[in-house]
Amino acid sequence: MKKKKIKGLYAITPDGLSTELLLEKVREVIAGGARIIQYRNKSDDIAHRLWQADALAALAKAQDAVFIINDSIDLAWSTNADGVHLGKDDSDVAAARRRLPYKLIGVSCYGDLERAIEAEKLGADYVAFGSAFSSSTKPNASPVPLELYQEAVRRLSIPIVAIGGIKIDNAKQVIDTGVDAIAVISGLFEADNIRARAECFSQLFEIG
């Protein structure tokens, strides 16, 4: 089974939205060019998360977008998502691969290149480094120097995602390091015109 690509604008959903509003916003980011949607919900109970994830999975499939679940292997399996994204406190790559043998597995590596190298050896399909810039989502995270992204591009063969504090006025800096994708939350979902903002982010990958 051929896996979908991790490339371009990677949209991560914000907490606290009704299902109707969440779907409306995600439709707009996909229309604007986002090809990867990650469902991230740290606050709601499992029943509500399953309801929202099922709805998003159907939407992403209809639009041929990649759908990733943050943290939960069980939720990724239950919704037939395209993959799961794991942080340092989540299950390891081997456990995820046993449950999701043909799915995408992403790993957060923060500012740790050696963690990324190990994740690739264990079978991760992509890795994420961040925060690229100061982030309102994770205000205590130390910014990762752009040089680390450049080094990761040289040393890894799997896709690299930059995350954290990425806005329209700083995104090109990190894209120019050679990363495959940029993950955006507030810089996308808090825009007055979400579709237009997604288009602006997506177009940065087309500028040489």
Protein backbone atom coordinates (compact mmCIF):
# COMPACT_ATOMS: atom_id res chain seq x y z
CA MET A 1 0.00 0.00 0.00
CA LYS A 2 1.47 3.33 -1.08
CA LYS A 3 1.62 5.90 1.69
CA LYS A 4 0.62 9.50 1.16
CA LYS A 5 3.23 12.23 1.04
CA ILE A 6 4.19 14.66 3.79
CA LYS A 7 4.82 17.81 1.79
CA GLY A 8 3.78 21.46 1.94
CA LEU A 9 1.37 23.03 4.40
CA TYR A 10 0.61 20.80 7.38
CA ALA A 11 -2.38 22.18 9.31
CA ILE A 12 -2.84 21.25 12.98
CA THR A 13 -6.29 21.82 14.42
CA PRO A 14 -6.78 24.00 17.51
CA ASP A 15 -8.58 22.92 20.68
CA GLY A 16 -11.97 24.14 21.81
CA LEU A 17 -13.94 24.30 18.57
CA SER A 18 -17.39 22.86 17.99
CA THR A 19 -17.45 20.08 15.42
CA GLU A 20 -19.34 22.27 12.97
CA LEU A 21 -16.84 25.14 13.24
CA LEU A 22 -13.89 22.78 13.15
CA LEU A 23 -15.09 21.19 9.91
CA GLU A 24 -15.79 24.61 8.40
CA LYS A 25 -12.26 25.82 9.16
CA VAL A 26 -10.62 22.63 7.95
CA ARG A 27 -12.55 22.84 4.66
CA GLU A 28 -11.08 26.31 4.21
CA VAL A 29 -7.48 25.28 4.89
CA ILE A 30 -7.77 22.37 2.45
CA ALA A 31 -9.30 24.67 -0.16
CA GLY A 32 -6.33 26.98 0.38
CA GLY A 33 -3.82 24.24 -0.32
CA ALA A 34 -3.11 22.37 2.91
CA ARG A 35 -2.50 18.72 2.06
CA ILE A 36 -1.99 17.37 5.60
CA ILE A 37 -4.45 17.76 8.47
CA GLN A 38 -3.52 16.73 12.00
CA TYR A 39 -6.30 16.40 14.56
CA ARG A 40 -4.98 17.65 17.88
CA ASN A 41 -7.39 17.79 20.80
CA LYS A 42 -6.01 17.75 24.34
CA SER A 43 -9.12 18.82 26.22
CA ASP A 44 -12.21 16.81 25.22
CA ASP A 45 -13.28 13.32 26.30
CA ILE A 46 -12.64 10.32 24.11
CA ALA A 47 -16.22 10.08 22.82
CA HIS A 48 -16.17 13.65 21.56
CA ARG A 49 -12.69 13.23 20.08
CA LEU A 50 -13.84 10.11 18.24
CA TRP A 51 -16.88 11.96 16.87
CA GLN A 52 -14.76 14.86 15.61
CA ALA A 53 -11.99 12.62 14.26
CA ASP A 54 -14.47 10.50 12.31
CA ALA A 55 -15.95 13.62 10.72
CA LEU A 56 -12.53 15.02 9.86
CA ALA A 57 -11.36 11.68 8.45
CA ALA A 58 -14.33 11.63 6.06
CA LEU A 59 -13.67 15.23 5.02
CA ALA A 60 -9.97 14.65 4.44
CA LYS A 61 -10.64 11.50 2.41
CA ALA A 62 -13.16 13.32 0.23
CA GLN A 63 -10.59 16.05 -0.46
CA ASP A 64 -7.65 13.64 -0.89
CA ALA A 65 -5.82 15.20 2.05
CA VAL A 66 -3.60 13.28 4.47
CA PHE A 67 -5.27 12.86 7.87
CA ILE A 68 -3.08 12.37 10.94
CA ILE A 69 -4.10 11.84 14.58
CA ASN A 70 -2.01 13.45 17.30
CA ASP A 71 -0.88 11.17 20.15
CA SER A 72 -3.47 8.38 20.03
CA ILE A 73 -2.74 5.14 18.19
CA ASP A 74 -6.18 3.85 19.23
CA LEU A 75 -7.94 6.87 17.75
CA ALA A 76 -5.92 6.60 14.54
CA TRP A 77 -6.87 2.95 14.23
CA SER A 78 -10.56 3.56 15.06
CA THR A 79 -10.97 6.30 12.47
CA ASN A 80 -8.84 4.65 9.78
CA ALA A 81 -6.67 7.76 9.70
CA ASP A 82 -3.67 7.91 7.40
CA GLY A 83 -1.35 7.92 10.39
CA VAL A 84 -0.42 9.01 13.88
CA HIS A 85 1.97 11.60 15.28
CA LEU A 86 3.87 10.70 18.46
CA GLY A 87 5.42 12.96 21.09
CA LYS A 88 7.97 12.06 23.75
CA ASP A 89 5.27 10.95 26.22
CA ASP A 90 3.38 8.79 23.71
CA SER A 91 3.90 5.22 22.53
CA ASP A 92 7.08 4.40 20.65
CA VAL A 93 7.45 3.82 16.93
CA ALA A 94 7.55 0.02 17.27
CA ALA A 95 4.25 -0.07 19.18
CA ALA A 96 2.63 2.24 16.65
CA ARG A 97 3.89 0.15 13.75
CA ARG A 98 2.48 -3.06 15.24
CA ARG A 99 -0.98 -1.49 15.51
CA LEU A 100 -0.81 0.57 12.31
CA PRO A 101 1.40 -1.48 9.99
CA TYR A 102 0.63 0.41 6.79
CA LYS A 103 0.07 3.90 8.17
CA LEU A 104 2.23 6.99 8.45
CA ILE A 105 4.07 7.43 11.73
CA GLY A 106 5.46 10.85 12.62
CA VAL A 107 7.67 11.64 15.59
CA SER A 108 8.26 14.91 17.42
CA CYS A 109 11.98 15.43 17.90
CA TYR A 110 11.97 18.92 19.42
CA GLY A 111 15.60 20.08 19.00
CA ASP A 112 17.13 16.61 19.14
CA LEU A 113 18.68 15.42 15.88
CA GLU A 114 19.82 12.13 17.40
CA ARG A 115 16.21 11.36 18.38
CA ALA A 116 15.26 11.91 14.75
CA ILE A 117 18.02 9.65 13.46
CA GLU A 118 16.90 6.92 15.84
CA ALA A 119 13.25 7.40 14.87
CA GLU A 120 14.16 6.95 11.21
CA LYS A 121 16.05 3.73 12.04
CA LEU A 122 12.99 2.44 13.90
CA GLY A 123 10.75 3.06 10.89
CA ALA A 124 9.25 6.51 11.36
CA ASP A 125 7.89 7.97 8.13
CA TYR A 126 8.61 11.60 9.02
CA VAL A 127 9.93 13.71 11.90
CA ALA A 128 9.10 17.15 13.24
CA PHE A 129 11.44 19.68 14.87
CA GLY A 130 10.36 22.70 16.89
CA SER A 131 9.70 25.22 18.03
CA ALA A 132 11.05 26.93 14.95
CA PHE A 133 10.11 30.29 16.50
CA SER A 134 8.52 31.39 19.77
CA SER A 135 5.14 29.66 20.01
CA SER A 136 1.92 30.55 21.82
CA THR A 137 0.93 26.86 21.78
CA LYS A 138 4.10 25.81 23.63
CA PRO A 139 5.49 29.00 25.21
CA ASN A 140 8.12 27.15 27.24
CA ALA A 141 9.71 25.42 24.25
CA SER A 142 13.15 26.67 23.29
CA PRO A 143 13.40 27.81 19.67
CA VAL A 144 15.30 25.46 17.38
CA PRO A 145 18.04 27.14 15.32
CA LEU A 146 17.52 27.12 11.57
CA GLU A 147 20.91 25.42 11.24
CA LEU A 148 19.46 22.31 12.88
CA TYR A 149 16.90 22.00 10.09
CA GLN A 150 19.68 22.30 7.52
CA GLU A 151 21.67 19.57 9.28
CA ALA A 152 18.59 17.35 9.50
CA VAL A 153 17.97 17.75 5.77
CA ARG A 154 21.54 16.57 5.13
CA ARG A 155 21.41 13.60 7.46
CA LEU A 156 17.88 12.22 7.14
CA SER A 157 16.16 10.59 4.18
CA ILE A 158 12.58 10.87 5.52
CA PRO A 159 10.46 14.05 5.34
CA ILE A 160 11.15 16.82 7.86
CA VAL A 161 8.44 19.06 9.30
CA ALA A 162 9.11 22.41 10.96
CA ILE A 163 6.67 23.41 13.69
CA GLY A 164 6.19 26.14 16.27
CA GLY A 165 5.51 29.84 15.95
CA ILE A 166 5.43 29.76 12.15
CA LYS A 167 3.67 32.80 10.70
CA ILE A 168 3.35 34.11 7.18
CA ASP A 169 6.20 36.59 7.76
CA ASN A 170 8.75 34.01 8.98
CA ALA A 171 7.73 30.81 7.17
CA LYS A 172 10.04 31.34 4.20
CA GLN A 173 13.08 31.35 6.49
CA VAL A 174 12.45 27.79 7.58
CA ILE A 175 11.21 26.58 4.19
CA ASP A 176 14.51 27.76 2.71
CA THR A 177 16.39 25.31 4.95
CA GLY A 178 14.97 22.52 2.78
CA VAL A 179 12.29 21.11 5.08
CA ASP A 180 9.46 19.23 3.41
CA ALA A 181 6.57 20.76 5.34
CA ILE A 182 5.62 23.46 7.81
CA ALA A 183 3.08 22.75 10.55
CA VAL A 184 0.89 25.69 11.51
CA ILE A 185 -1.87 26.17 14.10
CA SER A 186 -2.61 29.73 15.22
CA GLY A 187 -0.90 31.36 12.25
CA LEU A 188 -3.49 29.64 10.09
CA PHE A 189 -6.66 29.01 12.07
CA GLU A 190 -6.75 32.44 13.70
CA ALA A 191 -6.57 34.30 10.38
CA ASP A 192 -9.56 36.42 9.35
CA ASN A 193 -9.54 34.67 5.97
CA ILE A 194 -8.30 31.14 6.55
CA ARG A 195 -8.42 30.05 2.92
CA ALA A 196 -6.39 33.06 1.77
CA ARG A 197 -3.85 32.50 4.54
CA ALA A 198 -3.49 28.84 3.59
CA GLU A 199 -2.95 29.90 -0.02
CA CYS A 200 -0.19 32.30 1.08
CA PHE A 201 1.58 29.58 3.06
CA SER A 202 1.23 27.05 0.24
CA GLN A 203 2.57 29.44 -2.37
CA LEU A 204 5.81 29.84 -0.39
CA PHE A 205 6.74 26.30 -1.40
CA GLU A 206 6.47 27.32 -5.06
CA ILE A 207 8.89 30.23 -4.72
CA GLY A 208 12.45 29.22 -5.50
